[in-house]
Amino acid sequence: MARYKGHEGAAKVDTDAIGEVESFDIDLSTNELDANVMGNDWTNVEGGQKSASGTVSVLSDPADAGQAALTVGSTVSLSLYPQGETSALEEITGDFLVTNVSRSSSVGDLVKTTYSVRNKGTVTVGAVTP
């Protein structure tokens, strides 16, 4: 069984790496369409439109080109690499709307920023190509 380490992950906006990434998450989902009919004891559903949303959390660096591109209301081409940017590993790509930017600051910790994103069209789950 192959296991991957989170610290090997990476994220990019267009061709710019997003620097100082601590974590990211992406949720892929589909709408449930009611397909129930009378006479059946069990419910039935069909898959509808798909969607994706998630967050990218970083140590804030205003000089980082990847972070600078993630402004509220902007549309960016985002690529996420959960296991790393190595050939044949998983790559999740698509255009995303930046819906929220949240900054956190506390005594004894570095300033952090979390970017929330929502897909604008097709999201592709594929493999990293060389």
C-alpha atoms as a PDB file:
ATOM      1  CA  MET A   1       0.000   0.000   0.000  1.00  0.00           C
ATOM      2  CA  ALA A   2       1.450   3.325  -1.083  1.00  0.00           C
ATOM      3  CA  ARG A   3       1.422   6.105   1.490  1.00  0.00           C
ATOM      4  CA  TYR A   4       2.153   9.731   0.852  1.00  0.00           C
ATOM      5  CA  LYS A   5       3.318  12.469   3.172  1.00  0.00           C
ATOM      6  CA  GLY A   6       1.453  15.768   3.335  1.00  0.00           C
ATOM      7  CA  HIS A   7       4.661  17.794   3.328  1.00  0.00           C
ATOM      8  CA  GLU A   8       5.285  16.620  -0.255  1.00  0.00           C
ATOM      9  CA  GLY A   9       2.135  18.387  -1.526  1.00  0.00           C
ATOM     10  CA  ALA A  10       2.188  21.563  -3.599  1.00  0.00           C
ATOM     11  CA  ALA A  11      -0.165  24.191  -5.013  1.00  0.00           C
ATOM     12  CA  LYS A  12       0.100  26.600  -7.955  1.00  0.00           C
ATOM     13  CA  VAL A  13      -1.741  29.582  -9.373  1.00  0.00           C
ATOM     14  CA  ASP A  14      -1.177  29.491 -13.134  1.00  0.00           C
ATOM     15  CA  THR A  15       2.543  28.609 -13.284  1.00  0.00           C
ATOM     16  CA  ASP A  16       3.460  30.314  -9.991  1.00  0.00           C
ATOM     17  CA  ALA A  17       3.951  28.078  -6.971  1.00  0.00           C
ATOM     18  CA  ILE A  18       2.005  29.246  -3.945  1.00  0.00           C
ATOM     19  CA  GLY A  19       4.682  29.724  -1.305  1.00  0.00           C
ATOM     20  CA  GLU A  20       4.565  28.885   2.389  1.00  0.00           C
ATOM     21  CA  VAL A  21       1.612  26.454   2.033  1.00  0.00           C
ATOM     22  CA  GLU A  22       0.712  24.790   5.325  1.00  0.00           C
ATOM     23  CA  SER A  23      -2.300  22.862   4.046  1.00  0.00           C
ATOM     24  CA  PHE A  24      -5.035  22.714   1.456  1.00  0.00           C
ATOM     25  CA  ASP A  25      -8.273  20.838   1.069  1.00  0.00           C
ATOM     26  CA  ILE A  26     -10.643  20.317  -1.824  1.00  0.00           C
ATOM     27  CA  ASP A  27     -14.150  18.875  -1.712  1.00  0.00           C
ATOM     28  CA  LEU A  28     -15.585  17.440  -4.932  1.00  0.00           C
ATOM     29  CA  SER A  29     -19.325  16.801  -4.851  1.00  0.00           C
ATOM     30  CA  THR A  30     -22.397  16.256  -6.993  1.00  0.00           C
ATOM     31  CA  ASN A  31     -25.945  17.497  -6.542  1.00  0.00           C
ATOM     32  CA  GLU A  32     -28.458  14.799  -5.681  1.00  0.00           C
ATOM     33  CA  LEU A  33     -31.482  14.682  -7.938  1.00  0.00           C
ATOM     34  CA  ASP A  34     -34.583  13.031  -6.488  1.00  0.00           C
ATOM     35  CA  ALA A  35     -35.565   9.993  -8.597  1.00  0.00           C
ATOM     36  CA  ASN A  36     -38.174   8.543  -6.227  1.00  0.00           C
ATOM     37  CA  VAL A  37     -41.374   7.008  -7.529  1.00  0.00           C
ATOM     38  CA  MET A  38     -44.412   5.611  -5.779  1.00  0.00           C
ATOM     39  CA  GLY A  39     -44.369   1.938  -4.947  1.00  0.00           C
ATOM     40  CA  ASN A  40     -40.680   1.704  -3.985  1.00  0.00           C
ATOM     41  CA  ASP A  41     -39.647   1.155  -0.364  1.00  0.00           C
ATOM     42  CA  TRP A  42     -36.195   2.629  -0.956  1.00  0.00           C
ATOM     43  CA  THR A  43     -35.223   6.110  -2.027  1.00  0.00           C
ATOM     44  CA  ASN A  44     -33.492   6.651  -5.349  1.00  0.00           C
ATOM     45  CA  VAL A  45     -31.216   9.454  -6.527  1.00  0.00           C
ATOM     46  CA  GLU A  46     -29.378  10.473  -9.667  1.00  0.00           C
ATOM     47  CA  GLY A  47     -26.222  12.548  -9.871  1.00  0.00           C
ATOM     48  CA  GLY A  48     -26.603  16.130 -11.055  1.00  0.00           C
ATOM     49  CA  GLN A  49     -24.112  18.921 -11.540  1.00  0.00           C
ATOM     50  CA  LYS A  50     -20.700  18.569  -9.929  1.00  0.00           C
ATOM     51  CA  SER A  51     -18.960  21.225  -7.853  1.00  0.00           C
ATOM     52  CA  ALA A  52     -15.694  21.799  -6.033  1.00  0.00           C
ATOM     53  CA  SER A  53     -14.731  24.020  -3.132  1.00  0.00           C
ATOM     54  CA  GLY A  54     -11.827  24.200  -0.752  1.00  0.00           C
ATOM     55  CA  THR A  55      -9.198  26.215   1.040  1.00  0.00           C
ATOM     56  CA  VAL A  56      -5.484  26.895   0.815  1.00  0.00           C
ATOM     57  CA  SER A  57      -3.808  27.918   4.087  1.00  0.00           C
ATOM     58  CA  VAL A  58      -0.422  29.637   4.034  1.00  0.00           C
ATOM     59  CA  LEU A  59       2.068  31.500   6.167  1.00  0.00           C
ATOM     60  CA  SER A  60       1.456  35.036   4.895  1.00  0.00           C
ATOM     61  CA  ASP A  61       4.041  36.386   2.459  1.00  0.00           C
ATOM     62  CA  PRO A  62       2.923  39.499   0.545  1.00  0.00           C
ATOM     63  CA  ALA A  63       5.949  39.180  -1.764  1.00  0.00           C
ATOM     64  CA  ASP A  64       4.899  35.704  -2.936  1.00  0.00           C
ATOM     65  CA  ALA A  65       3.471  35.819  -6.483  1.00  0.00           C
ATOM     66  CA  GLY A  66       1.175  32.835  -5.905  1.00  0.00           C
ATOM     67  CA  GLN A  67      -0.341  34.359  -2.777  1.00  0.00           C
ATOM     68  CA  ALA A  68      -0.608  37.808  -4.393  1.00  0.00           C
ATOM     69  CA  ALA A  69      -2.783  36.366  -7.190  1.00  0.00           C
ATOM     70  CA  LEU A  70      -5.336  35.040  -4.677  1.00  0.00           C
ATOM     71  CA  THR A  71      -7.446  38.147  -4.096  1.00  0.00           C
ATOM     72  CA  VAL A  72     -11.142  38.174  -3.191  1.00  0.00           C
ATOM     73  CA  GLY A  73     -13.242  38.083  -6.348  1.00  0.00           C
ATOM     74  CA  SER A  74     -10.429  37.009  -8.650  1.00  0.00           C
ATOM     75  CA  THR A  75     -10.613  33.968 -10.903  1.00  0.00           C
ATOM     76  CA  VAL A  76      -7.444  31.894 -10.936  1.00  0.00           C
ATOM     77  CA  SER A  77      -6.229  28.728 -12.594  1.00  0.00           C
ATOM     78  CA  LEU A  78      -5.447  26.532  -9.587  1.00  0.00           C
ATOM     79  CA  SER A  79      -3.468  23.283  -9.523  1.00  0.00           C
ATOM     80  CA  LEU A  80      -3.276  21.134  -6.397  1.00  0.00           C
ATOM     81  CA  TYR A  81      -0.843  18.265  -5.925  1.00  0.00           C
ATOM     82  CA  PRO A  82      -1.810  16.267  -2.797  1.00  0.00           C
ATOM     83  CA  GLN A  83       1.100  13.805  -3.020  1.00  0.00           C
ATOM     84  CA  GLY A  84       3.593  16.105  -4.712  1.00  0.00           C
ATOM     85  CA  GLU A  85       4.311  17.355  -8.212  1.00  0.00           C
ATOM     86  CA  THR A  86       5.909  14.108  -9.344  1.00  0.00           C
ATOM     87  CA  SER A  87       4.975  12.523 -12.680  1.00  0.00           C
ATOM     88  CA  ALA A  88       1.948  10.158 -12.545  1.00  0.00           C
ATOM     89  CA  LEU A  89       0.761  11.337  -9.106  1.00  0.00           C
ATOM     90  CA  GLU A  90      -2.636  13.003  -8.637  1.00  0.00           C
ATOM     91  CA  GLU A  91      -3.205  16.530  -9.911  1.00  0.00           C
ATOM     92  CA  ILE A  92      -6.432  18.513  -9.419  1.00  0.00           C
ATOM     93  CA  THR A  93      -6.827  21.494 -11.751  1.00  0.00           C
ATOM     94  CA  GLY A  94      -9.434  24.028 -12.756  1.00  0.00           C
ATOM     95  CA  ASP A  95     -10.499  27.654 -12.702  1.00  0.00           C
ATOM     96  CA  PHE A  96     -11.624  28.858  -9.295  1.00  0.00           C
ATOM     97  CA  LEU A  97     -13.211  31.988  -7.864  1.00  0.00           C
ATOM     98  CA  VAL A  98     -11.539  33.238  -4.681  1.00  0.00           C
ATOM     99  CA  THR A  99     -14.578  33.673  -2.419  1.00  0.00           C
ATOM    100  CA  ASN A 100     -12.939  34.567   0.896  1.00  0.00           C
ATOM    101  CA  VAL A 101      -9.573  35.609   2.318  1.00  0.00           C
ATOM    102  CA  SER A 102      -9.110  35.200   6.064  1.00  0.00           C
ATOM    103  CA  ARG A 103      -6.062  36.329   8.058  1.00  0.00           C
ATOM    104  CA  SER A 104      -5.128  35.052  11.479  1.00  0.00           C
ATOM    105  CA  SER A 105      -2.634  36.584  13.878  1.00  0.00           C
ATOM    106  CA  SER A 106      -1.848  35.475  17.415  1.00  0.00           C
ATOM    107  CA  VAL A 107       0.905  35.894  19.960  1.00  0.00           C
ATOM    108  CA  GLY A 108       3.544  33.210  19.559  1.00  0.00           C
ATOM    109  CA  ASP A 109       2.581  32.296  16.010  1.00  0.00           C
ATOM    110  CA  LEU A 110       3.205  33.522  12.471  1.00  0.00           C
ATOM    111  CA  VAL A 111       0.540  35.435  10.553  1.00  0.00           C
ATOM    112  CA  LYS A 112      -1.526  33.007   8.485  1.00  0.00           C
ATOM    113  CA  THR A 113      -3.887  33.483   5.557  1.00  0.00           C
ATOM    114  CA  THR A 114      -6.577  31.107   4.363  1.00  0.00           C
ATOM    115  CA  TYR A 115      -8.010  31.442   0.854  1.00  0.00           C
ATOM    116  CA  SER A 116     -11.427  29.886   0.120  1.00  0.00           C
ATOM    117  CA  VAL A 117     -12.166  28.902  -3.482  1.00  0.00           C
ATOM    118  CA  ARG A 118     -15.116  27.623  -5.534  1.00  0.00           C
ATOM    119  CA  ASN A 119     -14.927  26.141  -9.014  1.00  0.00           C
ATOM    120  CA  LYS A 120     -15.845  28.085 -12.148  1.00  0.00           C
ATOM    121  CA  GLY A 121     -16.481  25.267 -14.587  1.00  0.00           C
ATOM    122  CA  THR A 122     -14.825  21.913 -15.013  1.00  0.00           C
ATOM    123  CA  VAL A 123     -12.370  20.555 -12.441  1.00  0.00           C
ATOM    124  CA  THR A 124     -10.070  17.810 -13.655  1.00  0.00           C
ATOM    125  CA  VAL A 125      -8.632  15.076 -11.471  1.00  0.00           C
ATOM    126  CA  GLY A 126      -5.784  13.514 -13.377  1.00  0.00           C
ATOM    127  CA  ALA A 127      -2.121  12.658 -13.219  1.00  0.00           C
ATOM    128  CA  VAL A 128       0.870  14.967 -13.206  1.00  0.00           C
ATOM    129  CA  THR A 129       2.528  14.896 -16.612  1.00  0.00           C
ATOM    130  CA  PRO A 130       6.234  15.573 -17.129  1.00  0.00           C
END
